Amino acid sequence: MPQLTPRERTERLAELGVTVELFENAFTYAAAEARRDSLLDAPSMPGTTFWSRTNRYLAEQLIDPKITTPHWKHTRRDNILRVIHPAGSHAITAISGEGDVGVPEPKKRVRTKNPKGRVMAKLVQENKAHASPNEQLAIASRDELLFGAELDSMPTWILLYRRTEDGPIKAEVSLPVEMEGKYVDRWHERIPLFLPDIDPGINVSLLDNPGSDTPHVDVPVQRRREEG
């Protein structure tokens, strides 16, 4: 995977329709919200709050036509919070990660922090189908999307974040193409983000998603009749 220069990272983000400042704002607001959680909250609340608010504030900036023109769309389908590019060319979702997240040349494998379900697995497989070896993913043109694109078939990028041992958030925008078990750990492209020091002051990766993208199935249990 070729390493991008700072200028190339900025240009690649622009092709995706986003900026470092956009993510910086989302992380800053989310960190402020997560700090409000207390010891009286459930242990998973800081991570859940940070995950949800990061996606929320990312969406608020992108779907507001006064801030972003043309504005994006938003969906919560299958419990995966996604913003969708105006052209329908790709989507972005924020998820906590582990390993050398945001490091251009990682020594520790970069992967999602928490296990993912079948819907995420399908999205990753779709990404792999779109990606060509040794090439950046081509952003579909308006003409190519004239008849629209199904949400589950468009490339889905992950805004991967992790709080470091020193405190600040490290992050990257990356295109997943493979999973090992229930963890996303193979990337076609990685765009590390060089952010100012944003320290939530707490562990924000305990649990990024309180739900699951796998539908719940109720199995009826019939009580056995007592004999005699």
Protein backbone atom coordinates (compact mmCIF):
# COMPACT_ATOMS: atom_id res chain seq x y z
CA MET A 1 0.00 0.00 0.00
CA PRO A 2 1.74 3.24 -1.13
CA GLN A 3 2.25 5.95 1.48
CA LEU A 4 0.62 9.29 0.73
CA THR A 5 2.32 12.64 1.21
CA PRO A 6 0.46 15.28 3.28
CA ARG A 7 -0.64 16.97 0.06
CA GLU A 8 -1.82 13.68 -1.44
CA ARG A 9 -3.82 12.92 1.71
CA THR A 10 -5.56 16.28 1.48
CA GLU A 11 -6.30 15.76 -2.21
CA ARG A 12 -7.62 12.24 -1.63
CA LEU A 13 -9.91 13.44 1.15
CA ALA A 14 -11.17 16.17 -1.20
CA GLU A 15 -12.03 13.49 -3.77
CA LEU A 16 -14.13 11.84 -1.07
CA GLY A 17 -15.80 15.19 -0.34
CA VAL A 18 -14.40 15.64 3.17
CA THR A 19 -11.65 17.51 5.05
CA VAL A 20 -9.53 16.98 8.15
CA GLU A 21 -11.32 19.93 9.77
CA LEU A 22 -14.64 18.14 9.35
CA PHE A 23 -13.42 15.14 11.36
CA GLU A 24 -11.62 17.37 13.87
CA ASN A 25 -14.90 19.13 14.65
CA ALA A 26 -16.79 15.85 15.02
CA PHE A 27 -14.18 14.38 17.40
CA THR A 28 -13.99 17.59 19.45
CA TYR A 29 -17.74 17.76 19.97
CA ALA A 30 -17.99 14.03 20.67
CA ALA A 31 -15.18 14.20 23.25
CA ALA A 32 -16.97 17.00 25.08
CA GLU A 33 -20.15 14.91 25.23
CA ALA A 34 -18.32 11.78 26.42
CA ARG A 35 -16.67 13.71 29.27
CA ARG A 36 -20.12 14.37 30.71
CA ASP A 37 -20.60 10.68 31.49
CA SER A 38 -19.98 9.81 35.13
CA LEU A 39 -19.34 6.79 37.34
CA LEU A 40 -23.10 6.62 37.80
CA ASP A 41 -23.48 5.75 34.11
CA ALA A 42 -23.05 2.27 32.68
CA PRO A 43 -19.35 1.37 32.15
CA SER A 44 -19.84 1.27 28.38
CA MET A 45 -21.35 4.77 28.16
CA PRO A 46 -18.18 6.77 27.33
CA GLY A 47 -17.43 4.55 24.34
CA THR A 48 -21.04 4.44 23.23
CA THR A 49 -21.43 8.20 23.60
CA PHE A 50 -18.25 8.98 21.69
CA TRP A 51 -19.14 6.59 18.86
CA SER A 52 -22.69 7.89 18.50
CA ARG A 53 -21.79 11.57 18.81
CA THR A 54 -18.89 11.31 16.36
CA ASN A 55 -21.27 9.91 13.75
CA ARG A 56 -23.92 12.47 14.69
CA TYR A 57 -21.67 15.53 14.45
CA LEU A 58 -20.12 14.25 11.24
CA ALA A 59 -23.62 13.94 9.80
CA GLU A 60 -24.76 17.33 11.11
CA GLN A 61 -21.96 19.05 9.23
CA LEU A 62 -22.49 17.13 6.00
CA ILE A 63 -26.28 17.07 5.71
CA ASP A 64 -26.73 20.79 6.43
CA PRO A 65 -26.91 22.66 3.08
CA LYS A 66 -25.76 25.83 4.87
CA ILE A 67 -22.47 24.09 5.72
CA THR A 68 -21.96 21.61 2.88
CA THR A 69 -23.11 22.11 -0.72
CA PRO A 70 -24.28 19.85 -2.17
CA HIS A 71 -25.27 18.26 1.10
CA TRP A 72 -24.99 14.59 1.99
CA LYS A 73 -27.65 12.15 3.20
CA HIS A 74 -27.78 10.08 6.37
CA THR A 75 -29.03 6.62 7.28
CA ARG A 76 -29.20 4.44 10.41
CA ARG A 77 -30.23 1.32 8.53
CA ASP A 78 -29.08 -1.97 10.07
CA ASN A 79 -27.79 0.01 13.08
CA ILE A 80 -24.84 1.30 11.03
CA LEU A 81 -24.70 5.10 11.14
CA ARG A 82 -23.66 6.28 7.69
CA VAL A 83 -23.39 9.52 5.76
CA ILE A 84 -23.88 9.15 2.00
CA HIS A 85 -22.16 11.31 -0.60
CA PRO A 86 -24.55 13.48 -2.69
CA ALA A 87 -23.68 11.48 -5.81
CA GLY A 88 -24.34 8.17 -4.07
CA SER A 89 -20.75 7.18 -4.84
CA HIS A 90 -19.76 6.14 -1.31
CA ALA A 91 -20.64 6.23 2.37
CA ILE A 92 -18.66 6.88 5.58
CA THR A 93 -19.21 5.52 9.09
CA ALA A 94 -17.18 6.11 12.28
CA ILE A 95 -16.02 3.06 14.26
CA SER A 96 -13.48 2.60 17.05
CA GLY A 97 -10.31 0.71 16.21
CA GLU A 98 -7.19 -0.75 17.73
CA GLY A 99 -3.59 -1.21 16.68
CA ASP A 100 -1.64 1.59 15.00
CA VAL A 101 -4.69 3.56 13.89
CA GLY A 102 -3.69 6.76 12.09
CA VAL A 103 -0.04 5.69 11.76
CA PRO A 104 1.20 5.85 8.13
CA GLU A 105 3.46 2.80 8.52
CA PRO A 106 1.81 0.70 11.25
CA LYS A 107 3.75 -1.91 13.21
CA LYS A 108 0.61 -3.19 14.93
CA ARG A 109 -2.21 -4.45 12.71
CA VAL A 110 -4.99 -1.91 12.30
CA ARG A 111 -8.44 -3.38 12.88
CA THR A 112 -11.84 -2.60 14.32
CA LYS A 113 -11.98 -2.70 18.12
CA ASN A 114 -15.21 -4.64 18.37
CA PRO A 115 -16.67 -7.60 16.44
CA LYS A 116 -18.98 -6.84 13.52
CA GLY A 117 -21.97 -8.72 12.16
CA ARG A 118 -23.14 -10.00 8.80
CA VAL A 119 -24.20 -6.60 7.40
CA MET A 120 -20.74 -5.13 7.90
CA ALA A 121 -19.25 -8.31 6.43
CA LYS A 122 -21.39 -7.83 3.32
CA LEU A 123 -20.32 -4.18 3.02
CA VAL A 124 -16.67 -5.19 3.25
CA GLN A 125 -17.16 -7.79 0.52
CA GLU A 126 -18.78 -5.16 -1.69
CA ASN A 127 -15.77 -2.89 -1.11
CA LYS A 128 -13.47 -5.69 -2.21
CA ALA A 129 -15.46 -6.12 -5.41
CA HIS A 130 -15.03 -2.41 -6.22
CA ALA A 131 -11.31 -2.27 -5.41
CA SER A 132 -8.56 -2.98 -7.95
CA PRO A 133 -5.16 -4.24 -6.76
CA ASN A 134 -2.51 -1.51 -6.39
CA GLU A 135 -4.93 1.23 -7.42
CA GLN A 136 -6.94 3.79 -5.52
CA LEU A 137 -10.67 3.24 -5.54
CA ALA A 138 -12.20 5.24 -8.37
CA ILE A 139 -14.97 7.57 -7.21
CA ALA A 140 -17.99 6.93 -9.41
CA SER A 141 -19.07 9.78 -11.68
CA ARG A 142 -22.53 11.30 -11.80
CA ASP A 143 -23.23 9.59 -15.13
CA GLU A 144 -22.26 6.21 -13.70
CA LEU A 145 -24.75 6.79 -10.90
CA LEU A 146 -27.55 8.11 -13.09
CA PHE A 147 -29.85 5.26 -12.10
CA GLY A 148 -28.86 5.37 -8.46
CA ALA A 149 -26.99 2.86 -6.33
CA GLU A 150 -28.13 0.50 -3.67
CA LEU A 151 -26.90 1.49 -0.22
CA ASP A 152 -25.38 -1.92 0.44
CA SER A 153 -23.50 -2.01 -2.85
CA MET A 154 -21.75 1.37 -2.67
CA PRO A 155 -18.24 1.52 -1.18
CA THR A 156 -18.29 2.21 2.56
CA TRP A 157 -15.30 3.95 4.09
CA ILE A 158 -14.57 3.75 7.82
CA LEU A 159 -13.52 6.70 9.95
CA LEU A 160 -11.44 4.61 12.33
CA TYR A 161 -10.39 6.18 15.65
CA ARG A 162 -8.48 5.20 18.78
CA ARG A 163 -7.45 7.00 21.95
CA THR A 164 -3.70 6.55 22.44
CA GLU A 165 -1.98 5.74 25.73
CA ASP A 166 -0.87 9.38 25.89
CA GLY A 167 -4.46 10.53 25.50
CA PRO A 168 -5.01 12.15 22.07
CA ILE A 169 -7.22 10.61 19.41
CA LYS A 170 -5.57 9.01 16.38
CA ALA A 171 -7.71 8.48 13.30
CA GLU A 172 -7.78 7.52 9.65
CA VAL A 173 -10.27 7.22 6.80
CA SER A 174 -9.85 3.77 5.31
CA LEU A 175 -11.52 1.40 2.88
CA PRO A 176 -11.95 -2.11 4.35
CA VAL A 177 -11.81 -5.12 2.05
CA GLU A 178 -11.43 -8.16 4.31
CA MET A 179 -12.30 -9.45 7.76
CA GLU A 180 -10.69 -12.02 10.02
CA GLY A 181 -13.55 -13.61 11.88
CA LYS A 182 -15.77 -10.72 12.98
CA TYR A 183 -13.03 -8.08 12.89
CA VAL A 184 -12.27 -5.81 9.94
CA ASP A 185 -8.49 -5.92 9.48
CA ARG A 186 -7.60 -5.60 5.79
CA TRP A 187 -7.62 -2.25 4.02
CA HIS A 188 -7.37 -1.31 0.34
CA GLU A 189 -6.62 2.31 1.20
CA ARG A 190 -5.65 4.07 4.42
CA ILE A 191 -5.66 7.86 4.77
CA PRO A 192 -4.12 8.79 8.15
CA LEU A 193 -5.48 12.03 9.62
CA PHE A 194 -3.09 14.44 11.30
CA LEU A 195 -5.28 15.95 14.01
CA PRO A 196 -4.53 18.43 16.78
CA ASP A 197 -4.47 16.95 20.29
CA ILE A 198 -8.05 15.93 21.08
CA ASP A 199 -8.12 14.00 24.35
CA PRO A 200 -11.51 12.83 25.64
CA GLY A 201 -9.82 12.10 28.99
CA ILE A 202 -11.50 8.70 29.19
CA ASN A 203 -11.48 5.38 27.38
CA VAL A 204 -13.76 5.83 24.38
CA SER A 205 -13.31 2.38 22.86
CA LEU A 206 -14.97 0.18 25.48
CA LEU A 207 -17.98 -0.38 23.25
CA ASP A 208 -18.63 1.69 20.16
CA ASN A 209 -21.96 0.17 19.17
CA PRO A 210 -24.46 -1.00 21.78
CA GLY A 211 -26.49 -2.83 19.17
CA SER A 212 -25.78 -5.32 16.44
CA ASP A 213 -26.19 -5.29 12.69
CA THR A 214 -27.42 -8.87 12.87
CA PRO A 215 -31.22 -9.10 13.14
CA HIS A 216 -32.55 -10.44 16.40
CA VAL A 217 -34.33 -13.76 16.11
CA ASP A 218 -36.80 -14.89 18.74
CA VAL A 219 -36.83 -18.63 19.25
CA PRO A 220 -40.04 -19.78 20.93
CA VAL A 221 -39.49 -22.14 23.82
CA GLN A 222 -42.33 -24.45 24.74
CA ARG A 223 -42.44 -25.58 28.34
CA ARG A 224 -42.57 -29.35 28.74
CA ARG A 225 -45.70 -30.70 30.33
CA GLU A 226 -45.17 -32.35 33.68
CA GLU A 227 -45.89 -36.04 33.71
CA GLY A 228 -48.07 -37.73 36.25
